[in-house]
Each structure stands twice: as structure tokens, then as C-alpha cells.
Amino acid sequence: MIVPTNHAHEGFCSFQHFHREGSRNSSSLLEARVKAKPAAKFSSVKAFAGRKAVGFQKQGRVLAVSRVESAGINGRLQNLESSPQGHLGNGHVSSRHLSSLNNFEESDSNNQLRRFVRNGELEEGFRILEDMVYHGEIPDTIACTSLIRGFCKRGKTEKATRVMEIIEDSGAVVDVITYNVLISGWMDAEKLLSDMLCKGCSPSVVTFNILINFLCRKGLLGRSIDILDKMHQHGCNPNSLSYNPLLHGFCKEKKMEKAIEYLEIMVSRGCYPDIVTYNTLLTALCKDGKVDFAVEILNQLCTKGCSPSLITYNTVIDGLAKVGKTDQAIKLLDEMRAKGLKPDIITYSSLVGGLIREGKVDDAIKFFQDFESMGIRPNAMTYNSIMLGLCKAQQTDRAIDFLAYMVMRGCKPTQSTYTILIEGIAYEGLANEALELLNELCARGVVNKKSADQVVVKM
């Protein structure tokens, strides 16, 4: 596919290094102006539909070598050995386990059990466990804990509970780590905690953190507070991981006053917030439009002994950009750079989006050029923001240039990319032609029916 660049808008410097000469003898040439024939313009947009391309320069043209690809993401999750609540997980080895292993005579059954659990063959592992206990063998508690975790992850909490019962019936001693795993997946975690206490197994801070997190995810904030208040009775001091789920729960329900109240309670009890705590609050404040308060908290972080992270700055920068305070957001960009933090594509995408919303399209393109020159690769969202701004400014020709550049740089256009351009073409008085293009892209499967209907309504 051959994309000419000799009509690129002079204001878009990213194209200035391309040669300007070249002819238009190919039917697939990209027309770069709205005043050009609509059919040629639409064929330019259609030429990129559903394609991902890499490009190179030759004889004054950008040659886009295209191949239809379906991008995929490897969705397999790693079997991590830790959790946000501080739970040690499958890799734990307590002193009790070490001593029991020294006195434990290895058996083929335990080796089979470990192998089945390691391979994710939980049902086979469960059958081996039942057979072992039936014949009087004592199962490996670590392997059984992993088996419980596996069933919990698959939502088979009753099976996980049955494993716990089998372990106890075998005479093996169940410790707090095994209980923590079961609590993390159990529907009635509070009952399990009660059973744990009745059997003489003392809960740890991790146990309570898992329970608090579980209840907060269910929206049971009142019961979470009750559990938090009971921690001292069992000799456990709450830490930041005890409070963070609760604060997140209040923020999720837009109860910001309550979240601030528990932040103060947290500090008054000698537990100091970490950066996760503050990021949770800042995200909620920005979503709620209270960006000035968020900036105030950000400015106080260093005095509280908590250094802002990249996520912290990105959160506030995005919040400012969304409420029309991009100039203030740019000052934060300079501040984070001065502190040695390196902005990423999220930082710049927020600023580009903010400038576009304020109608500062050329400033947005300048930012785009700056971060691209620093080696930061724009994503589809960034390209789409620029194209949206250009279309709103009735500069669809430049937007189509941007589409060409996007494909040439190897960034795959999204459905939104095409709907933005179609709306831009319609906005310039070519509604019938835009509708024709939309129908063809729908037929190709590039734009789905729901999005197409929304575009038609806007026309």
C-alpha cells in the first residue's frame, strides 16, 4: 500500500522529514485534503481498516507493508507466591513445617499429591488425599494448602473446606497459613475465623487483613470495621494493609468524608499511610472532580515522609487535565521530572487529551512530537485523541494524515479510530459519503453495529 505524504499539513512537523515529491498514479494513494475527491479520501480510510502495518520510506512516499493481524494477549496468569495482603502463599515454609518434614517419611502418595497439585490436576490430587487418609497416611500440609488454594481460585470453596477437614481428620496440625488460604476464598470467612479460634489456632495480622479485604470487596464495610476493631483483642496491630481496603471501599462508594476520617483514625492509632493509601484517595478525589484537594494532598506528601510515585503524579495530572487545568498539569510534569521521575505514555496521553479538550490541537501535536522524540511510543488512545481534535477543528485531512502515520509507525487503529474519522467527514458536510464508508467498514467487521448506530445518531 502506498501512502503519499506530499500533502501533509505544514503544522505537523512529524511528517516534515519525509520527502515531498512523488506521483499519484496508484488507486490506493491517500488523499490528504478534504477538498480532494471524497471517493479517494474514503478509500484511504478503508485501506487501513483492520490492518496493522510497519512502514519505510522510498522515492518520496511512505510504503505501508500491511498484514491483517489479530492481536492477542497471553492471558495465562503466573502462580504467584505472594498477595497484596502479605500472604506468603504456596512457597511458604514455616519452622513447624521444616521440623515435621524432618520426621516425615516420604511416601509415593505424597509425591503424587505434590505432582498433581503442581500440574493443576486438583481432582486427581483430591482423590490421592482421600486415599492416603483412608490408609492412615499423614499428608503433606504444604501440598494440601496449595490444593486448598487451587480449589478456592476455581470457586470450589466447599471442596477446599473438605480438604481442610480431611487434613484435620488425618492428625496433621493445621497452622495459620493454611487457614489464611481458606479464608481468602471462603464465602463465610467470618465463620471460618470463628472455627479457627475455637480450634486454638491464633489468627495473625495477615489473617485479619485477608478477612477485611474480603468483606470490603463484598461492600460490607461495617463488618470490616468491626473486624478491624477486634484485632487488638487478639494481639494484632493493624497495618496499612488493614486500612487500605476500607479506605478503598469508602472511596468506591464516594464517601470521601468517611475515607478522610479513617485516614485520620489510622494516623492517630500510630499506623502511617503508605503511598498505596494516598494513591487510593487521590484517584477517588480526582474522579469526584475534587482535584484542588488532590493537589493539596500531593503537596503535603513529602512532609509526611511519603514520596510520590509515578502513579501518584499520573493520577493528579490526569485529574487536572480532565477539568481544564492542563497548564497546572504541565507544571506537575516539570515537578516530577525535577524529582527524577520519568514520565510515561500515561502521563503524556493525559496531557494530550487535556490540550485537545481545551481546543489546543497544535500544542497537543507538539507534546506528541516531544515525547515521541524521547523514545516513548504513542498508543492508539493518544493517536485517537489527536485525530478527534483535528476532526472537531474541521481538519479531517490532517486527521487522515495522522491515520497514515499511525499505521506506518506500527500502531494498530481501533474501532474508535474509524468512527472518529467518519464523524469528522460527516461534520464537514459529507454525511452521505460518511454513511457509505461506515456501512462498508461494518460489513468488514471493523466497526460493530452498536458503534455504527451511535455514529448514525450523531450524524
Protein backbone atom coordinates (compact mmCIF):
# COMPACT_ATOMS: atom_id res chain seq x y z
CA MET A 1 0.00 0.00 0.00
CA ILE A 2 1.46 3.39 -0.94
CA VAL A 3 0.68 6.44 1.18
CA PRO A 4 1.87 9.80 -0.20
CA THR A 5 2.99 12.45 2.26
CA ASN A 6 3.37 15.36 -0.10
CA HIS A 7 0.07 16.80 1.16
CA ALA A 8 0.84 16.60 4.87
CA HIS A 9 -0.20 19.72 6.76
CA GLU A 10 2.73 22.06 7.34
CA GLY A 11 1.82 22.37 11.01
CA PHE A 12 2.51 18.70 11.64
CA CYS A 13 6.29 18.60 11.97
CA SER A 14 6.50 14.85 12.44
CA PHE A 15 5.99 14.45 8.69
CA GLN A 16 8.44 17.15 7.65
CA HIS A 17 11.37 14.76 7.44
CA PHE A 18 9.60 12.75 4.73
CA HIS A 19 10.36 13.66 1.09
CA ARG A 20 7.66 15.68 -0.59
CA GLU A 21 8.00 14.51 -4.17
CA GLY A 22 6.10 11.61 -5.72
CA SER A 23 3.23 10.94 -8.06
CA ARG A 24 -0.30 9.74 -7.53
CA ASN A 25 -0.55 7.02 -10.10
CA SER A 26 -1.85 4.38 -7.65
CA SER A 27 -5.53 3.94 -6.90
CA SER A 28 -4.67 3.31 -3.25
CA LEU A 29 -2.96 6.70 -2.73
CA LEU A 30 -4.04 8.53 0.42
CA GLU A 31 -5.66 11.85 -0.40
CA ALA A 32 -4.59 14.32 2.29
CA ARG A 33 -7.12 17.07 1.86
CA VAL A 34 -10.87 17.32 2.49
CA LYS A 35 -11.23 19.21 -0.79
CA ALA A 36 -9.97 16.18 -2.71
CA LYS A 37 -12.46 13.78 -4.23
CA PRO A 38 -14.48 12.08 -1.44
CA ALA A 39 -14.10 8.65 -3.06
CA ALA A 40 -10.32 8.84 -2.87
CA LYS A 41 -10.49 10.07 0.72
CA PHE A 42 -12.74 7.20 1.78
CA SER A 43 -10.60 4.64 0.01
CA SER A 44 -7.70 5.97 2.06
CA VAL A 45 -9.53 5.26 5.31
CA LYS A 46 -10.78 1.89 4.04
CA ALA A 47 -7.26 0.92 3.03
CA PHE A 48 -6.15 0.86 6.65
CA ALA A 49 -9.23 -0.89 8.06
CA GLY A 50 -8.37 -3.95 10.11
CA ARG A 51 -4.68 -3.74 9.28
CA LYS A 52 -1.52 -3.34 11.30
CA ALA A 53 1.45 -2.04 9.40
CA VAL A 54 5.11 -1.18 9.56
CA GLY A 55 6.45 1.31 7.08
CA PHE A 56 9.54 2.56 5.36
CA GLN A 57 10.41 5.46 3.08
CA LYS A 58 11.12 5.08 -0.62
CA GLN A 59 11.06 7.54 -3.50
CA GLY A 60 9.18 10.26 -1.66
CA ARG A 61 6.39 8.02 -0.38
CA VAL A 62 5.60 6.14 2.78
CA LEU A 63 5.22 2.49 1.87
CA ALA A 64 2.96 0.70 4.33
CA VAL A 65 3.52 -3.03 4.27
CA SER A 66 0.29 -4.34 5.74
CA ARG A 67 -0.86 -7.64 7.08
CA VAL A 68 -4.18 -8.42 8.69
CA GLU A 69 -3.38 -9.49 12.19
CA SER A 70 -5.38 -10.31 15.24
CA ALA A 71 -3.53 -9.06 18.25
CA GLY A 72 -3.69 -11.32 21.26
CA ILE A 73 -2.51 -11.20 24.80
CA ASN A 74 -1.22 -14.16 26.70
CA GLY A 75 -3.81 -14.35 29.42
CA ARG A 76 -2.20 -17.07 31.46
CA LEU A 77 -1.53 -15.89 34.98
CA GLN A 78 1.56 -16.85 36.88
CA ASN A 79 1.12 -18.82 40.08
CA LEU A 80 2.48 -16.04 42.25
CA GLU A 81 3.65 -16.85 45.72
CA SER A 82 2.52 -13.63 47.37
CA SER A 83 -0.58 -11.49 47.58
CA PRO A 84 -1.31 -7.78 48.17
CA GLN A 85 -2.38 -8.68 51.70
CA GLY A 86 1.04 -10.04 52.57
CA HIS A 87 0.10 -13.71 52.48
CA LEU A 88 3.13 -15.96 51.87
CA GLY A 89 1.22 -18.40 49.68
CA ASN A 90 2.32 -21.63 48.10
CA GLY A 91 6.01 -21.02 48.70
CA HIS A 92 5.85 -20.69 52.49
CA VAL A 93 7.98 -22.88 54.71
CA SER A 94 7.37 -22.35 58.40
CA SER A 95 9.61 -23.70 61.15
CA ARG A 96 6.83 -26.12 62.08
CA HIS A 97 6.80 -27.45 58.53
CA LEU A 98 10.58 -27.88 58.50
CA SER A 99 10.60 -29.88 61.70
CA SER A 100 7.70 -32.03 60.60
CA LEU A 101 9.38 -32.72 57.28
CA ASN A 102 12.50 -33.92 59.05
CA ASN A 103 10.43 -36.54 60.88
CA PHE A 104 8.21 -37.32 57.92
CA GLU A 105 8.88 -40.44 55.95
CA GLU A 106 8.40 -39.60 52.31
CA SER A 107 5.82 -41.70 50.53
CA ASP A 108 4.89 -42.25 46.92
CA SER A 109 1.43 -40.93 47.72
CA ASN A 110 2.77 -37.57 48.93
CA ASN A 111 4.97 -37.30 45.87
CA GLN A 112 1.93 -37.98 43.67
CA LEU A 113 -0.09 -35.43 45.61
CA ARG A 114 2.56 -32.74 45.09
CA ARG A 115 2.83 -33.56 41.39
CA PHE A 116 -0.92 -33.38 40.80
CA VAL A 117 -1.21 -30.07 42.67
CA ARG A 118 1.80 -28.62 40.84
CA ASN A 119 0.25 -29.57 37.48
CA GLY A 120 -3.14 -28.13 38.41
CA GLU A 121 -4.80 -31.57 38.43
CA LEU A 122 -6.78 -30.81 41.57
CA GLU A 123 -9.43 -33.54 41.37
CA GLU A 124 -6.74 -36.21 40.97
CA GLY A 125 -4.88 -34.67 43.91
CA PHE A 126 -8.06 -34.73 45.98
CA ARG A 127 -8.58 -38.44 45.26
CA ILE A 128 -4.98 -39.20 46.27
CA LEU A 129 -5.52 -37.23 49.51
CA GLU A 130 -8.67 -39.19 50.37
CA ASP A 131 -6.91 -42.47 49.66
CA MET A 132 -3.92 -41.51 51.81
CA VAL A 133 -6.01 -40.67 54.85
CA TYR A 134 -8.11 -43.81 54.36
CA HIS A 135 -4.93 -45.90 54.60
CA GLY A 136 -3.66 -43.98 57.64
CA GLU A 137 -1.02 -41.89 55.91
CA ILE A 138 -0.35 -38.30 57.01
CA PRO A 139 -0.50 -35.91 54.03
CA ASP A 140 2.00 -33.12 53.36
CA THR A 141 0.38 -29.98 54.78
CA ILE A 142 2.13 -27.67 52.30
CA ALA A 143 0.78 -29.64 49.33
CA CYS A 144 -2.68 -29.66 50.92
CA THR A 145 -2.51 -25.88 51.42
CA SER A 146 -1.75 -25.49 47.71
CA LEU A 147 -4.66 -27.82 46.94
CA ILE A 148 -6.96 -25.61 49.03
CA ARG A 149 -5.71 -22.53 47.21
CA GLY A 150 -6.35 -24.15 43.84
CA PHE A 151 -9.95 -25.04 44.71
CA CYS A 152 -10.57 -21.54 46.11
CA LYS A 153 -9.28 -19.92 42.93
CA ARG A 154 -11.70 -22.06 40.92
CA GLY A 155 -14.60 -21.09 43.17
CA LYS A 156 -14.87 -24.59 44.67
CA THR A 157 -14.85 -23.44 48.28
CA GLU A 158 -16.82 -26.46 49.53
CA LYS A 159 -14.17 -28.75 48.09
CA ALA A 160 -11.48 -26.57 49.69
CA THR A 161 -13.24 -26.89 53.04
CA ARG A 162 -13.44 -30.65 52.63
CA VAL A 163 -9.65 -30.73 52.10
CA MET A 164 -9.26 -28.86 55.41
CA GLU A 165 -11.50 -31.39 57.17
CA ILE A 166 -9.52 -34.32 55.71
CA ILE A 167 -6.24 -32.77 56.89
CA GLU A 168 -7.59 -32.35 60.41
CA ASP A 169 -9.01 -35.91 60.47
CA SER A 170 -5.60 -37.27 59.43
CA GLY A 171 -3.97 -35.96 62.59
CA ALA A 172 -1.89 -33.32 60.80
CA VAL A 173 -1.67 -29.96 62.55
CA VAL A 174 -3.22 -27.12 60.53
CA ASP A 175 -1.45 -23.79 61.00
CA VAL A 176 -2.45 -20.18 60.45
CA ILE A 177 -1.09 -20.15 56.88
CA THR A 178 -3.45 -22.92 55.78
CA TYR A 179 -6.37 -21.12 57.42
CA ASN A 180 -5.40 -17.86 55.69
CA VAL A 181 -5.56 -19.56 52.30
CA LEU A 182 -9.01 -20.96 53.02
CA ILE A 183 -10.28 -17.65 54.46
CA SER A 184 -9.17 -15.82 51.31
CA GLY A 185 -11.56 -17.89 49.20
CA TRP A 186 -14.36 -18.77 51.58
CA MET A 187 -17.81 -17.23 51.28
CA ASP A 188 -18.36 -17.16 55.06
CA ALA A 189 -14.89 -16.07 56.10
CA GLU A 190 -16.08 -14.80 59.48
CA LYS A 191 -17.42 -18.25 60.42
CA LEU A 192 -14.14 -19.79 59.39
CA LEU A 193 -12.28 -17.33 61.62
CA SER A 194 -14.54 -18.34 64.49
CA ASP A 195 -13.83 -22.05 63.83
CA MET A 196 -10.14 -21.25 63.69
CA LEU A 197 -10.25 -19.63 67.15
CA CYS A 198 -12.30 -22.48 68.60
CA LYS A 199 -9.63 -24.96 67.47
CA GLY A 200 -6.93 -22.99 69.24
CA CYS A 201 -5.24 -21.55 66.17
CA SER A 202 -4.40 -17.87 66.74
CA PRO A 203 -5.02 -15.59 63.77
CA SER A 204 -2.23 -13.32 62.54
CA VAL A 205 -2.32 -9.80 61.11
CA VAL A 206 -2.37 -11.45 57.68
CA THR A 207 -5.49 -13.41 58.66
CA PHE A 208 -7.33 -10.24 59.63
CA ASN A 209 -6.10 -8.38 56.54
CA ILE A 210 -7.41 -11.12 54.28
CA LEU A 211 -10.77 -11.06 56.08
CA ILE A 212 -11.04 -7.26 55.94
CA ASN A 213 -10.16 -7.25 52.25
CA PHE A 214 -12.73 -9.99 51.60
CA LEU A 215 -15.52 -8.09 53.38
CA CYS A 216 -14.63 -4.79 51.69
CA ARG A 217 -14.78 -6.41 48.25
CA LYS A 218 -18.30 -7.54 49.14
CA GLY A 219 -19.18 -3.98 50.15
CA LEU A 220 -19.60 -4.97 53.82
CA LEU A 221 -17.69 -2.00 55.22
CA GLY A 222 -19.46 -2.01 58.59
CA ARG A 223 -18.42 -5.60 59.28
CA SER A 224 -14.90 -4.76 58.09
CA ILE A 225 -14.71 -2.01 60.72
CA ASP A 226 -15.86 -4.49 63.39
CA ILE A 227 -13.08 -6.90 62.42
CA LEU A 228 -10.55 -4.05 62.40
CA ASP A 229 -11.57 -3.01 65.92
CA LYS A 230 -11.22 -6.61 67.19
CA MET A 231 -7.63 -7.04 66.03
CA HIS A 232 -6.15 -5.67 69.26
CA GLN A 233 -8.11 -8.23 71.30
CA HIS A 234 -6.12 -10.96 69.56
CA GLY A 235 -2.76 -9.25 69.96
CA CYS A 236 -2.61 -7.96 66.38
CA ASN A 237 -1.77 -4.36 65.46
CA PRO A 238 -3.39 -3.17 62.22
CA ASN A 239 -1.02 -2.00 59.49
CA SER A 240 -1.57 -0.02 56.29
CA LEU A 241 -2.79 -3.19 54.56
CA SER A 242 -5.54 -3.41 57.18
CA TYR A 243 -6.83 0.10 56.45
CA ASN A 244 -6.27 0.37 52.67
CA PRO A 245 -9.18 -1.92 51.64
CA LEU A 246 -11.50 0.02 53.94
CA LEU A 247 -10.42 3.38 52.52
CA HIS A 248 -10.78 1.99 49.01
CA GLY A 249 -14.29 0.81 49.88
CA PHE A 250 -15.32 4.25 51.13
CA CYS A 251 -13.83 5.88 48.03
CA LYS A 252 -15.64 3.43 45.75
CA GLU A 253 -18.93 4.38 47.39
CA LYS A 254 -17.97 8.08 47.07
CA LYS A 255 -17.94 8.51 50.84
CA MET A 256 -14.89 10.74 50.79
CA GLU A 257 -15.54 12.30 54.19
CA LYS A 258 -15.61 8.84 55.74
CA ALA A 259 -12.40 7.90 53.93
CA ILE A 260 -10.64 11.03 55.26
CA GLU A 261 -12.00 10.27 58.75
CA TYR A 262 -10.48 6.79 58.75
CA LEU A 263 -7.24 8.15 57.38
CA GLU A 264 -7.06 10.36 60.47
CA ILE A 265 -8.03 7.42 62.73
CA MET A 266 -5.31 5.37 61.08
CA VAL A 267 -2.66 8.00 61.89
CA SER A 268 -3.98 8.57 65.43
CA ARG A 269 -3.51 4.84 66.13
CA GLY A 270 0.13 5.02 65.13
CA CYS A 271 -0.32 3.45 61.70
CA TYR A 272 1.08 5.67 58.98
CA PRO A 273 -0.37 5.59 55.46
CA ASP A 274 1.78 4.32 52.61
CA ILE A 275 1.81 5.52 49.01
CA VAL A 276 -0.92 2.99 48.13
CA THR A 277 -3.18 4.66 50.71
CA TYR A 278 -2.62 8.10 49.25
CA ASN A 279 -2.94 6.91 45.64
CA THR A 280 -6.32 5.41 46.55
CA LEU A 281 -7.51 8.73 47.98
CA LEU A 282 -6.08 10.81 45.13
CA THR A 283 -7.74 8.60 42.49
CA ALA A 284 -11.11 8.94 44.21
CA LEU A 285 -10.76 12.70 44.67
CA CYS A 286 -9.85 13.22 41.01
CA LYS A 287 -12.74 11.05 39.81
CA ASP A 288 -15.02 13.12 42.01
CA GLY A 289 -13.71 16.32 40.44
CA LYS A 290 -12.01 17.49 43.67
CA VAL A 291 -8.65 18.00 42.01
CA ASP A 292 -7.67 21.03 44.09
CA PHE A 293 -7.91 18.91 47.24
CA ALA A 294 -5.91 16.20 45.47
CA VAL A 295 -3.16 18.71 44.61
CA GLU A 296 -3.12 19.86 48.24
CA ILE A 297 -2.60 16.28 49.46
CA LEU A 298 0.09 15.72 46.82
CA ASN A 299 1.98 18.81 48.02
CA GLN A 300 1.88 17.50 51.62
CA LEU A 301 3.18 14.01 50.88
CA CYS A 302 6.87 14.80 51.27
CA THR A 303 6.26 16.42 54.67
CA LYS A 304 4.53 13.17 55.73
CA GLY A 305 7.56 11.10 54.83
CA CYS A 306 5.89 9.56 51.78
CA SER A 307 7.46 10.19 48.37
CA PRO A 308 5.05 10.50 45.43
CA SER A 309 5.44 7.81 42.78
CA LEU A 310 4.88 7.95 39.02
CA ILE A 311 1.36 6.61 39.62
CA THR A 312 0.72 9.43 42.11
CA TYR A 313 1.68 12.15 39.64
CA ASN A 314 -0.13 10.47 36.74
CA THR A 315 -3.31 10.37 38.80
CA VAL A 316 -3.28 14.07 39.64
CA ILE A 317 -2.07 15.14 36.17
CA ASP A 318 -4.94 13.22 34.59
CA GLY A 319 -7.39 14.74 37.06
CA LEU A 320 -6.23 18.28 36.28
CA ALA A 321 -6.27 17.66 32.51
CA LYS A 322 -9.87 16.43 32.66
CA VAL A 323 -11.16 19.57 34.39
CA GLY A 324 -9.48 22.02 32.02
CA LYS A 325 -6.40 22.76 34.12
CA THR A 326 -3.80 21.43 31.71
CA ASP A 327 -1.41 24.34 32.40
CA GLN A 328 -1.27 23.30 36.06
CA ALA A 329 -0.84 19.68 34.98
CA ILE A 330 2.16 20.66 32.85
CA LYS A 331 3.74 22.29 35.94
CA LEU A 332 3.37 18.96 37.76
CA LEU A 333 5.08 17.30 34.79
CA ASP A 334 8.06 19.63 35.29
CA GLU A 335 8.00 18.94 39.03
CA MET A 336 8.09 15.17 38.64
CA ARG A 337 10.95 15.44 36.16
CA ALA A 338 12.89 17.58 38.63
CA LYS A 339 12.44 14.81 41.21
CA GLY A 340 13.94 12.26 38.85
CA LEU A 341 10.67 10.56 37.89
CA LYS A 342 10.42 9.64 34.21
CA PRO A 343 7.01 10.38 32.60
CA ASP A 344 5.46 7.52 30.61
CA ILE A 345 2.85 7.21 27.89
CA ILE A 346 0.07 7.53 30.50
CA THR A 347 1.45 10.90 31.60
CA TYR A 348 1.65 12.28 28.08
CA SER A 349 -1.66 10.78 26.93
CA SER A 350 -3.40 12.61 29.78
CA LEU A 351 -1.77 15.91 28.78
CA VAL A 352 -2.53 15.41 25.08
CA GLY A 353 -6.15 14.60 25.91
CA GLY A 354 -6.41 17.69 28.13
CA LEU A 355 -4.99 20.00 25.47
CA ILE A 356 -7.35 18.54 22.85
CA ARG A 357 -10.36 19.12 25.12
CA GLU A 358 -9.25 22.74 25.51
CA GLY A 359 -9.04 23.12 21.72
CA LYS A 360 -5.23 23.45 21.73
CA VAL A 361 -4.64 20.98 18.92
CA ASP A 362 -1.27 22.32 17.78
CA ASP A 363 0.04 22.31 21.37
CA ALA A 364 -1.12 18.70 21.68
CA ILE A 365 0.73 17.75 18.50
CA LYS A 366 3.85 19.49 19.84
CA PHE A 367 3.64 17.35 23.00
CA PHE A 368 3.14 14.31 20.81
CA GLN A 369 6.32 15.13 18.89
CA ASP A 370 8.28 15.81 22.08
CA PHE A 371 7.55 12.54 23.84
CA GLU A 372 7.93 10.54 20.65
CA SER A 373 11.40 12.05 20.17
CA MET A 374 12.25 10.83 23.68
CA GLY A 375 11.54 7.26 22.65
CA ILE A 376 8.07 6.99 24.23
CA ARG A 377 5.81 5.06 21.88
CA PRO A 378 2.31 6.55 21.48
CA ASN A 379 -0.63 4.18 21.86
CA ALA A 380 -3.91 4.10 19.96
CA MET A 381 -5.60 6.27 22.59
CA THR A 382 -3.05 9.03 22.02
CA TYR A 383 -3.46 8.93 18.24
CA ASN A 384 -7.25 8.90 18.61
CA SER A 385 -7.16 11.99 20.83
CA ILE A 386 -5.18 13.93 18.23
CA MET A 387 -7.49 12.79 15.40
CA LEU A 388 -10.56 13.75 17.43
CA GLY A 389 -9.18 17.24 18.00
CA LEU A 390 -8.36 17.67 14.32
CA CYS A 391 -11.82 16.48 13.23
CA LYS A 392 -13.51 18.86 15.67
CA ALA A 393 -11.44 21.66 14.16
CA GLN A 394 -12.70 20.59 10.71
CA GLN A 395 -9.23 19.45 9.72
CA THR A 396 -10.11 15.91 8.73
CA ASP A 397 -7.37 15.98 6.10
CA ARG A 398 -4.75 16.24 8.84
CA ALA A 399 -6.56 13.54 10.82
CA ILE A 400 -6.25 11.17 7.85
CA ASP A 401 -2.55 12.06 7.63
CA PHE A 402 -2.34 11.02 11.26
CA LEU A 403 -4.02 7.71 10.46
CA ALA A 404 -1.37 7.09 7.80
CA TYR A 405 1.39 7.93 10.26
CA MET A 406 -0.20 5.75 12.94
CA VAL A 407 -0.21 2.70 10.67
CA MET A 408 3.28 3.41 9.39
CA ARG A 409 4.56 3.51 12.99
CA GLY A 410 3.09 0.07 13.65
CA CYS A 411 0.19 1.14 15.88
CA LYS A 412 -3.00 -0.73 15.00
CA PRO A 413 -6.08 1.51 14.57
CA THR A 414 -9.02 0.74 16.81
CA GLN A 415 -12.73 0.88 16.16
CA SER A 416 -12.76 4.37 17.72
CA THR A 417 -10.13 5.50 15.21
CA TYR A 418 -12.52 4.86 12.33
CA THR A 419 -15.65 6.21 14.00
CA ILE A 420 -13.79 9.44 14.84
CA LEU A 421 -12.79 9.90 11.20
CA ILE A 422 -16.27 9.02 9.91
CA GLU A 423 -17.83 11.59 12.24
CA GLY A 424 -15.22 14.12 11.10
CA ILE A 425 -16.08 13.55 7.44
CA ALA A 426 -19.80 13.93 8.21
CA TYR A 427 -19.08 17.07 10.26
CA GLU A 428 -17.57 18.66 7.15
CA GLY A 429 -20.85 18.26 5.23
CA LEU A 430 -20.27 14.86 3.60
CA ALA A 431 -22.83 12.88 5.60
CA ASN A 432 -23.92 10.59 2.75
CA GLU A 433 -20.35 9.68 1.87
CA ALA A 434 -19.54 9.12 5.55
CA LEU A 435 -22.55 6.82 5.89
CA GLU A 436 -21.44 4.83 2.85
CA LEU A 437 -17.98 4.42 4.36
CA LEU A 438 -19.49 3.40 7.69
CA ASN A 439 -21.60 0.69 6.05
CA GLU A 440 -18.59 -0.74 4.27
CA LEU A 441 -16.49 -0.82 7.47
CA CYS A 442 -19.39 -2.53 9.25
CA ALA A 443 -19.54 -5.14 6.51
CA ARG A 444 -15.83 -5.79 7.03
CA GLY A 445 -16.34 -6.21 10.77
CA VAL A 446 -14.09 -3.27 11.60
CA VAL A 447 -16.94 -1.33 13.26
CA ASN A 448 -19.65 -3.20 15.17
CA LYS A 449 -23.37 -2.46 14.86
CA LYS A 450 -23.71 -0.78 18.25
CA SER A 451 -20.96 1.74 17.50
CA ALA A 452 -22.33 2.27 13.99
CA ASP A 453 -25.78 3.08 15.38
CA GLN A 454 -24.23 5.63 17.76
CA VAL A 455 -22.37 7.29 14.89
CA VAL A 456 -25.57 7.45 12.77
CA VAL A 457 -27.43 9.17 15.61
CA LYS A 458 -24.69 11.83 15.80
CA MET A 459 -24.93 12.45 12.06
